[in-house]
Amino acid sequence: MYAVLLTDEFGMTRDAFRAELRKRGIDTRDFFTSCAAQPAICALKPAQGPFPVTEDIAKRGLYLPSGLALTEEQISAVIAAIHDIAHA
């Protein structure tokens, strides 16, 4: 997997970045779910948390396309799209 964690300096939210990639035909996946949103953690009594670090990472992270079936052309398209978005 290729995980990306967007910083404030990037100037775009994770969701906006994902939308831009999607416009270019590139699907992404959510990063992991925060501990605070995991049903098993939520069910603990007394309630545990908050988990500010995992909540922050979960809202800023995403996974880029990956896998053995990706072609060089597809990889190049993902790279070009990221470059175009970052320099727009």
PDB file of N, CA and C in Angstrom:
ATOM      1  N   MET A   1       0.839  -1.186   0.000  1.00  0.00           N
ATOM      2  CA  MET A   1       0.000   0.000   0.000  1.00  0.00           C
ATOM      3  C   MET A   1       0.877   1.239   0.000  1.00  0.00           C
ATOM      4  N   TYR A   2       0.363   2.261  -0.637  1.00  0.00           N
ATOM      5  CA  TYR A   2       1.047   3.542  -0.651  1.00  0.00           C
ATOM      6  C   TYR A   2       0.185   4.530   0.112  1.00  0.00           C
ATOM      7  N   ALA A   3       0.596   4.813   1.341  1.00  0.00           N
ATOM      8  CA  ALA A   3      -0.161   5.708   2.210  1.00  0.00           C
ATOM      9  C   ALA A   3       0.351   7.136   2.049  1.00  0.00           C
ATOM     10  N   VAL A   4      -0.594   8.067   2.019  1.00  0.00           N
ATOM     11  CA  VAL A   4      -0.276   9.486   1.917  1.00  0.00           C
ATOM     12  C   VAL A   4      -0.930  10.177   3.098  1.00  0.00           C
ATOM     13  N   LEU A   5      -0.168  11.012   3.779  1.00  0.00           N
ATOM     14  CA  LEU A   5      -0.683  11.804   4.887  1.00  0.00           C
ATOM     15  C   LEU A   5      -0.502  13.267   4.507  1.00  0.00           C
ATOM     16  N   LEU A   6      -1.605  13.949   4.231  1.00  0.00           N
ATOM     17  CA  LEU A   6      -1.536  15.337   3.788  1.00  0.00           C
ATOM     18  C   LEU A   6      -1.267  16.263   4.965  1.00  0.00           C
ATOM     19  N   THR A   7      -0.358  17.196   4.761  1.00  0.00           N
ATOM     20  CA  THR A   7      -0.049  18.195   5.777  1.00  0.00           C
ATOM     21  C   THR A   7      -0.800  19.485   5.468  1.00  0.00           C
ATOM     22  N   ASP A   8      -0.861  20.378   6.436  1.00  0.00           N
ATOM     23  CA  ASP A   8      -1.507  21.673   6.218  1.00  0.00           C
ATOM     24  C   ASP A   8      -0.818  22.443   5.090  1.00  0.00           C
ATOM     25  N   GLU A   9       0.480  22.266   4.955  1.00  0.00           N
ATOM     26  CA  GLU A   9       1.242  22.970   3.926  1.00  0.00           C
ATOM     27  C   GLU A   9       0.831  22.562   2.517  1.00  0.00           C
ATOM     28  N   PHE A  10       0.242  21.397   2.368  1.00  0.00           N
ATOM     29  CA  PHE A  10      -0.207  20.955   1.048  1.00  0.00           C
ATOM     30  C   PHE A  10      -1.306  21.871   0.525  1.00  0.00           C
ATOM     31  N   GLY A  11      -2.066  22.456   1.446  1.00  0.00           N
ATOM     32  CA  GLY A  11      -3.071  23.439   1.057  1.00  0.00           C
ATOM     33  C   GLY A  11      -4.391  22.860   0.582  1.00  0.00           C
ATOM     34  N   MET A  12      -4.636  21.599   0.896  1.00  0.00           N
ATOM     35  CA  MET A  12      -5.857  20.945   0.438  1.00  0.00           C
ATOM     36  C   MET A  12      -6.207  19.857   1.449  1.00  0.00           C
ATOM     37  N   THR A  13      -7.483  19.710   1.719  1.00  0.00           N
ATOM     38  CA  THR A  13      -7.894  18.632   2.613  1.00  0.00           C
ATOM     39  C   THR A  13      -7.775  17.293   1.908  1.00  0.00           C
ATOM     40  N   ARG A  14      -7.777  16.264   2.694  1.00  0.00           N
ATOM     41  CA  ARG A  14      -7.744  14.917   2.144  1.00  0.00           C
ATOM     42  C   ARG A  14      -8.926  14.681   1.206  1.00  0.00           C
ATOM     43  N   ASP A  15     -10.111  15.113   1.640  1.00  0.00           N
ATOM     44  CA  ASP A  15     -11.302  14.876   0.828  1.00  0.00           C
ATOM     45  C   ASP A  15     -11.263  15.658  -0.482  1.00  0.00           C
ATOM     46  N   ALA A  16     -10.743  16.872  -0.448  1.00  0.00           N
ATOM     47  CA  ALA A  16     -10.609  17.664  -1.679  1.00  0.00           C
ATOM     48  C   ALA A  16      -9.585  17.020  -2.616  1.00  0.00           C
ATOM     49  N   PHE A  17      -8.498  16.541  -2.062  1.00  0.00           N
ATOM     50  CA  PHE A  17      -7.467  15.862  -2.853  1.00  0.00           C
ATOM     51  C   PHE A  17      -8.034  14.596  -3.489  1.00  0.00           C
ATOM     52  N   ARG A  18      -8.773  13.823  -2.709  1.00  0.00           N
ATOM     53  CA  ARG A  18      -9.399  12.611  -3.242  1.00  0.00           C
ATOM     54  C   ARG A  18     -10.369  12.945  -4.370  1.00  0.00           C
ATOM     55  N   ALA A  19     -11.113  14.027  -4.204  1.00  0.00           N
ATOM     56  CA  ALA A  19     -12.070  14.430  -5.240  1.00  0.00           C
ATOM     57  C   ALA A  19     -11.339  14.803  -6.526  1.00  0.00           C
ATOM     58  N   GLU A  20     -10.222  15.496  -6.402  1.00  0.00           N
ATOM     59  CA  GLU A  20      -9.434  15.869  -7.586  1.00  0.00           C
ATOM     60  C   GLU A  20      -8.870  14.633  -8.281  1.00  0.00           C
ATOM     61  N   LEU A  21      -8.384  13.685  -7.506  1.00  0.00           N
ATOM     62  CA  LEU A  21      -7.892  12.449  -8.099  1.00  0.00           C
ATOM     63  C   LEU A  21      -9.032  11.699  -8.784  1.00  0.00           C
ATOM     64  N   ARG A  22     -10.190  11.674  -8.138  1.00  0.00           N
ATOM     65  CA  ARG A  22     -11.344  10.969  -8.708  1.00  0.00           C
ATOM     66  C   ARG A  22     -11.768  11.583 -10.043  1.00  0.00           C
ATOM     67  N   LYS A  23     -11.691  12.919 -10.150  1.00  0.00           N
ATOM     68  CA  LYS A  23     -12.009  13.596 -11.411  1.00  0.00           C
ATOM     69  C   LYS A  23     -11.113  13.090 -12.538  1.00  0.00           C
ATOM     70  N   ARG A  24      -9.919  12.642 -12.163  1.00  0.00           N
ATOM     71  CA  ARG A  24      -8.950  12.152 -13.142  1.00  0.00           C
ATOM     72  C   ARG A  24      -9.006  10.636 -13.288  1.00  0.00           C
ATOM     73  N   GLY A  25     -10.047  10.032 -12.699  1.00  0.00           N
ATOM     74  CA  GLY A  25     -10.236   8.589 -12.822  1.00  0.00           C
ATOM     75  C   GLY A  25      -9.389   7.754 -11.887  1.00  0.00           C
ATOM     76  N   ILE A  26      -8.891   8.358 -10.818  1.00  0.00           N
ATOM     77  CA  ILE A  26      -8.024   7.642  -9.884  1.00  0.00           C
ATOM     78  C   ILE A  26      -8.763   7.460  -8.558  1.00  0.00           C
ATOM     79  N   ASP A  27      -8.993   6.207  -8.206  1.00  0.00           N
ATOM     80  CA  ASP A  27      -9.657   5.887  -6.949  1.00  0.00           C
ATOM     81  C   ASP A  27      -8.639   5.794  -5.822  1.00  0.00           C
ATOM     82  N   THR A  28      -9.071   6.173  -4.641  1.00  0.00           N
ATOM     83  CA  THR A  28      -8.254   6.041  -3.443  1.00  0.00           C
ATOM     84  C   THR A  28      -9.091   5.343  -2.382  1.00  0.00           C
ATOM     85  N   ARG A  29      -8.444   4.990  -1.300  1.00  0.00           N
ATOM     86  CA  ARG A  29      -9.151   4.387  -0.176  1.00  0.00           C
ATOM     87  C   ARG A  29      -8.837   5.165   1.086  1.00  0.00           C
ATOM     88  N   ASP A  30      -9.803   5.142   2.003  1.00  0.00           N
ATOM     89  CA  ASP A  30      -9.574   5.776   3.295  1.00  0.00           C
ATOM     90  C   ASP A  30      -8.400   5.135   3.998  1.00  0.00           C
ATOM     91  N   PHE A  31      -7.737   5.951   4.779  1.00  0.00           N
ATOM     92  CA  PHE A  31      -6.715   5.470   5.696  1.00  0.00           C
ATOM     93  C   PHE A  31      -7.433   4.597   6.718  1.00  0.00           C
ATOM     94  N   PHE A  32      -6.829   4.240   7.777  1.00  0.00           N
ATOM     95  CA  PHE A  32      -7.487   3.449   8.806  1.00  0.00           C
ATOM     96  C   PHE A  32      -8.541   4.270   9.537  1.00  0.00           C
ATOM     97  N   THR A  33      -9.379   3.593  10.267  1.00  0.00           N
ATOM     98  CA  THR A  33     -10.384   4.264  11.083  1.00  0.00           C
ATOM     99  C   THR A  33      -9.787   4.572  12.445  1.00  0.00           C
ATOM    100  N   SER A  34     -10.052   5.756  12.947  1.00  0.00           N
ATOM    101  CA  SER A  34      -9.535   6.166  14.246  1.00  0.00           C
ATOM    102  C   SER A  34      -9.966   5.213  15.349  1.00  0.00           C
ATOM    103  N   CYS A  35      -9.142   5.101  16.357  1.00  0.00           N
ATOM    104  CA  CYS A  35      -9.502   4.273  17.521  1.00  0.00           C
ATOM    105  C   CYS A  35     -10.851   4.691  18.085  1.00  0.00           C
ATOM    106  N   ALA A  36     -11.102   5.983  18.140  1.00  0.00           N
ATOM    107  CA  ALA A  36     -12.337   6.495  18.718  1.00  0.00           C
ATOM    108  C   ALA A  36     -13.569   6.063  17.938  1.00  0.00           C
ATOM    109  N   ALA A  37     -13.412   5.681  16.677  1.00  0.00           N
ATOM    110  CA  ALA A  37     -14.541   5.267  15.846  1.00  0.00           C
ATOM    111  C   ALA A  37     -14.684   3.743  15.759  1.00  0.00           C
ATOM    112  N   GLN A  38     -13.773   3.008  16.368  1.00  0.00           N
ATOM    113  CA  GLN A  38     -13.842   1.546  16.345  1.00  0.00           C
ATOM    114  C   GLN A  38     -14.933   1.078  17.302  1.00  0.00           C
ATOM    115  N   PRO A  39     -15.876   0.262  16.825  1.00  0.00           N
ATOM    116  CA  PRO A  39     -16.967  -0.204  17.691  1.00  0.00           C
ATOM    117  C   PRO A  39     -16.485  -0.843  18.996  1.00  0.00           C
ATOM    118  N   ALA A  40     -15.417  -1.623  18.935  1.00  0.00           N
ATOM    119  CA  ALA A  40     -14.932  -2.291  20.148  1.00  0.00           C
ATOM    120  C   ALA A  40     -14.446  -1.284  21.182  1.00  0.00           C
ATOM    121  N   ILE A  41     -13.815  -0.215  20.722  1.00  0.00           N
ATOM    122  CA  ILE A  41     -13.336   0.823  21.641  1.00  0.00           C
ATOM    123  C   ILE A  41     -14.522   1.613  22.181  1.00  0.00           C
ATOM    124  N   CYS A  42     -15.467   1.946  21.308  1.00  0.00           N
ATOM    125  CA  CYS A  42     -16.645   2.716  21.719  1.00  0.00           C
ATOM    126  C   CYS A  42     -17.464   1.966  22.760  1.00  0.00           C
ATOM    127  N   ALA A  43     -17.424   0.646  22.728  1.00  0.00           N
ATOM    128  CA  ALA A  43     -18.220  -0.161  23.641  1.00  0.00           C
ATOM    129  C   ALA A  43     -17.603  -0.279  25.034  1.00  0.00           C
ATOM    130  N   LEU A  44     -16.361   0.146  25.195  1.00  0.00           N
ATOM    131  CA  LEU A  44     -15.700   0.027  26.495  1.00  0.00           C
ATOM    132  C   LEU A  44     -16.383   0.916  27.527  1.00  0.00           C
ATOM    133  N   LYS A  45     -16.493   0.405  28.726  1.00  0.00           N
ATOM    134  CA  LYS A  45     -17.049   1.176  29.837  1.00  0.00           C
ATOM    135  C   LYS A  45     -16.017   1.197  30.935  1.00  0.00           C
ATOM    136  N   PRO A  46     -15.588   2.314  31.468  1.00  0.00           N
ATOM    137  CA  PRO A  46     -15.971   3.650  31.019  1.00  0.00           C
ATOM    138  C   PRO A  46     -15.351   3.968  29.667  1.00  0.00           C
ATOM    139  N   ALA A  47     -15.926   4.921  29.007  1.00  0.00           N
ATOM    140  CA  ALA A  47     -15.472   5.288  27.659  1.00  0.00           C
ATOM    141  C   ALA A  47     -13.998   5.663  27.690  1.00  0.00           C
ATOM    142  N   GLN A  48     -13.287   5.197  26.685  1.00  0.00           N
ATOM    143  CA  GLN A  48     -11.865   5.512  26.548  1.00  0.00           C
ATOM    144  C   GLN A  48     -11.695   6.648  25.560  1.00  0.00           C
ATOM    145  N   GLY A  49     -10.589   7.338  25.626  1.00  0.00           N
ATOM    146  CA  GLY A  49     -10.317   8.384  24.653  1.00  0.00           C
ATOM    147  C   GLY A  49     -10.379   9.726  25.325  1.00  0.00           C
ATOM    148  N   PRO A  50     -10.273  10.790  24.616  1.00  0.00           N
ATOM    149  CA  PRO A  50     -10.211  10.873  23.155  1.00  0.00           C
ATOM    150  C   PRO A  50      -8.862  10.400  22.617  1.00  0.00           C
ATOM    151  N   PHE A  51      -8.812  10.228  21.312  1.00  0.00           N
ATOM    152  CA  PHE A  51      -7.603   9.782  20.630  1.00  0.00           C
ATOM    153  C   PHE A  51      -7.237  10.816  19.562  1.00  0.00           C
ATOM    154  N   PRO A  52      -6.745  11.973  19.957  1.00  0.00           N
ATOM    155  CA  PRO A  52      -6.534  13.063  18.996  1.00  0.00           C
ATOM    156  C   PRO A  52      -5.543  12.745  17.886  1.00  0.00           C
ATOM    157  N   VAL A  53      -4.530  11.957  18.167  1.00  0.00           N
ATOM    158  CA  VAL A  53      -3.533  11.652  17.133  1.00  0.00           C
ATOM    159  C   VAL A  53      -4.145  10.759  16.055  1.00  0.00           C
ATOM    160  N   THR A  54      -4.802   9.674  16.466  1.00  0.00           N
ATOM    161  CA  THR A  54      -5.380   8.791  15.461  1.00  0.00           C
ATOM    162  C   THR A  54      -6.539   9.454  14.730  1.00  0.00           C
ATOM    163  N   GLU A  55      -7.292  10.302  15.424  1.00  0.00           N
ATOM    164  CA  GLU A  55      -8.382  11.021  14.764  1.00  0.00           C
ATOM    165  C   GLU A  55      -7.824  11.962  13.691  1.00  0.00           C
ATOM    166  N   ASP A  56      -6.724  12.640  14.003  1.00  0.00           N
ATOM    167  CA  ASP A  56      -6.100  13.552  13.044  1.00  0.00           C
ATOM    168  C   ASP A  56      -5.548  12.798  11.839  1.00  0.00           C
ATOM    169  N   ILE A  57      -4.831  11.720  12.100  1.00  0.00           N
ATOM    170  CA  ILE A  57      -4.247  10.942  11.007  1.00  0.00           C
ATOM    171  C   ILE A  57      -5.338  10.338  10.127  1.00  0.00           C
ATOM    172  N   ALA A  58      -6.395   9.830  10.733  1.00  0.00           N
ATOM    173  CA  ALA A  58      -7.480   9.221   9.967  1.00  0.00           C
ATOM    174  C   ALA A  58      -8.137  10.224   9.024  1.00  0.00           C
ATOM    175  N   LYS A  59      -8.238  11.482   9.434  1.00  0.00           N
ATOM    176  CA  LYS A  59      -8.894  12.471   8.569  1.00  0.00           C
ATOM    177  C   LYS A  59      -7.948  13.061   7.523  1.00  0.00           C
ATOM    178  N   ARG A  60      -6.630  12.861   7.672  1.00  0.00           N
ATOM    179  CA  ARG A  60      -5.678  13.422   6.713  1.00  0.00           C
ATOM    180  C   ARG A  60      -5.045  12.374   5.802  1.00  0.00           C
ATOM    181  N   GLY A  61      -5.295  11.085   6.054  1.00  0.00           N
ATOM    182  CA  GLY A  61      -4.612  10.035   5.306  1.00  0.00           C
ATOM    183  C   GLY A  61      -5.481   9.354   4.274  1.00  0.00           C
ATOM    184  N   LEU A  62      -4.818   8.827   3.251  1.00  0.00           N
ATOM    185  CA  LEU A  62      -5.486   8.038   2.225  1.00  0.00           C
ATOM    186  C   LEU A  62      -4.478   7.078   1.615  1.00  0.00           C
ATOM    187  N   TYR A  63      -5.015   6.079   0.938  1.00  0.00           N
ATOM    188  CA  TYR A  63      -4.169   5.122   0.232  1.00  0.00           C
ATOM    189  C   TYR A  63      -4.316   5.337  -1.262  1.00  0.00           C
ATOM    190  N   LEU A  64      -3.192   5.383  -1.943  1.00  0.00           N
ATOM    191  CA  LEU A  64      -3.170   5.474  -3.399  1.00  0.00           C
ATOM    192  C   LEU A  64      -3.353   4.085  -4.000  1.00  0.00           C
ATOM    193  N   PRO A  65      -3.694   4.024  -5.278  1.00  0.00           N
ATOM    194  CA  PRO A  65      -3.813   2.715  -5.921  1.00  0.00           C
ATOM    195  C   PRO A  65      -2.504   1.930  -5.792  1.00  0.00           C
ATOM    196  N   SER A  66      -2.644   0.648  -5.541  1.00  0.00           N
ATOM    197  CA  SER A  66      -1.456  -0.195  -5.430  1.00  0.00           C
ATOM    198  C   SER A  66      -1.829  -1.623  -5.826  1.00  0.00           C
ATOM    199  N   GLY A  67      -0.841  -2.406  -6.040  1.00  0.00           N
ATOM    200  CA  GLY A  67      -1.071  -3.808  -6.362  1.00  0.00           C
ATOM    201  C   GLY A  67      -0.229  -4.249  -7.537  1.00  0.00           C
ATOM    202  N   LEU A  68      -0.079  -5.540  -7.644  1.00  0.00           N
ATOM    203  CA  LEU A  68       0.751  -6.113  -8.696  1.00  0.00           C
ATOM    204  C   LEU A  68       0.159  -5.931 -10.088  1.00  0.00           C
ATOM    205  N   ALA A  69      -1.147  -5.673 -10.170  1.00  0.00           N
ATOM    206  CA  ALA A  69      -1.793  -5.548 -11.472  1.00  0.00           C
ATOM    207  C   ALA A  69      -1.658  -4.152 -12.079  1.00  0.00           C
ATOM    208  N   LEU A  70      -1.155  -3.182 -11.308  1.00  0.00           N
ATOM    209  CA  LEU A  70      -0.978  -1.833 -11.865  1.00  0.00           C
ATOM    210  C   LEU A  70       0.091  -1.853 -12.953  1.00  0.00           C
ATOM    211  N   THR A  71      -0.222  -1.216 -14.051  1.00  0.00           N
ATOM    212  CA  THR A  71       0.744  -1.126 -15.143  1.00  0.00           C
ATOM    213  C   THR A  71       1.618   0.107 -14.948  1.00  0.00           C
ATOM    214  N   GLU A  72       2.718   0.142 -15.663  1.00  0.00           N
ATOM    215  CA  GLU A  72       3.588   1.320 -15.628  1.00  0.00           C
ATOM    216  C   GLU A  72       2.818   2.565 -16.070  1.00  0.00           C
ATOM    217  N   GLU A  73       1.947   2.391 -17.036  1.00  0.00           N
ATOM    218  CA  GLU A  73       1.131   3.503 -17.531  1.00  0.00           C
ATOM    219  C   GLU A  73       0.195   4.024 -16.431  1.00  0.00           C
ATOM    220  N   GLN A  74      -0.416   3.137 -15.695  1.00  0.00           N
ATOM    221  CA  GLN A  74      -1.301   3.549 -14.608  1.00  0.00           C
ATOM    222  C   GLN A  74      -0.526   4.244 -13.494  1.00  0.00           C
ATOM    223  N   ILE A  75       0.625   3.710 -13.158  1.00  0.00           N
ATOM    224  CA  ILE A  75       1.469   4.339 -12.137  1.00  0.00           C
ATOM    225  C   ILE A  75       1.873   5.742 -12.584  1.00  0.00           C
ATOM    226  N   SER A  76       2.255   5.891 -13.834  1.00  0.00           N
ATOM    227  CA  SER A  76       2.636   7.199 -14.368  1.00  0.00           C
ATOM    228  C   SER A  76       1.463   8.174 -14.331  1.00  0.00           C
ATOM    229  N   ALA A  77       0.257   7.663 -14.604  1.00  0.00           N
ATOM    230  CA  ALA A  77      -0.934   8.518 -14.567  1.00  0.00           C
ATOM    231  C   ALA A  77      -1.205   9.015 -13.154  1.00  0.00           C
ATOM    232  N   VAL A  78      -1.022   8.163 -12.153  1.00  0.00           N
ATOM    233  CA  VAL A  78      -1.215   8.567 -10.757  1.00  0.00           C
ATOM    234  C   VAL A  78      -0.184   9.631 -10.381  1.00  0.00           C
ATOM    235  N   ILE A  79       1.054   9.400 -10.739  1.00  0.00           N
ATOM    236  CA  ILE A  79       2.122  10.357 -10.438  1.00  0.00           C
ATOM    237  C   ILE A  79       1.847  11.701 -11.112  1.00  0.00           C
ATOM    238  N   ALA A  80       1.471  11.679 -12.368  1.00  0.00           N
ATOM    239  CA  ALA A  80       1.185  12.917 -13.108  1.00  0.00           C
ATOM    240  C   ALA A  80       0.020  13.659 -12.484  1.00  0.00           C
ATOM    241  N   ALA A  81      -1.015  12.936 -12.075  1.00  0.00           N
ATOM    242  CA  ALA A  81      -2.176  13.579 -11.466  1.00  0.00           C
ATOM    243  C   ALA A  81      -1.802  14.245 -10.160  1.00  0.00           C
ATOM    244  N   ILE A  82      -1.039  13.562  -9.338  1.00  0.00           N
ATOM    245  CA  ILE A  82      -0.595  14.149  -8.055  1.00  0.00           C
ATOM    246  C   ILE A  82       0.237  15.388  -8.319  1.00  0.00           C
ATOM    247  N   HIS A  83       1.124  15.322  -9.277  1.00  0.00           N
ATOM    248  CA  HIS A  83       1.957  16.464  -9.611  1.00  0.00           C
ATOM    249  C   HIS A  83       1.112  17.637 -10.069  1.00  0.00           C
ATOM    250  N   ASP A  84       0.148  17.375 -10.961  1.00  0.00           N
ATOM    251  CA  ASP A  84      -0.724  18.436 -11.467  1.00  0.00           C
ATOM    252  C   ASP A  84      -1.537  19.076 -10.351  1.00  0.00           C
ATOM    253  N   ILE A  85      -2.083  18.257  -9.468  1.00  0.00           N
ATOM    254  CA  ILE A  85      -2.893  18.774  -8.366  1.00  0.00           C
ATOM    255  C   ILE A  85      -2.041  19.597  -7.400  1.00  0.00           C
ATOM    256  N   ALA A  86      -0.866  19.096  -7.102  1.00  0.00           N
ATOM    257  CA  ALA A  86       0.014  19.767  -6.135  1.00  0.00           C
ATOM    258  C   ALA A  86       0.532  21.106  -6.666  1.00  0.00           C
ATOM    259  N   HIS A  87       0.625  21.226  -7.985  1.00  0.00           N
ATOM    260  CA  HIS A  87       1.184  22.447  -8.570  1.00  0.00           C
ATOM    261  C   HIS A  87       0.146  23.312  -9.251  1.00  0.00           C
ATOM    262  N   ALA A  88      -1.129  23.069  -8.964  1.00  0.00           N
ATOM    263  CA  ALA A  88      -2.206  23.857  -9.565  1.00  0.00           C
ATOM    264  C   ALA A  88      -2.327  25.210  -8.893  1.00  0.00           C
TER     265      ALA A  88
END
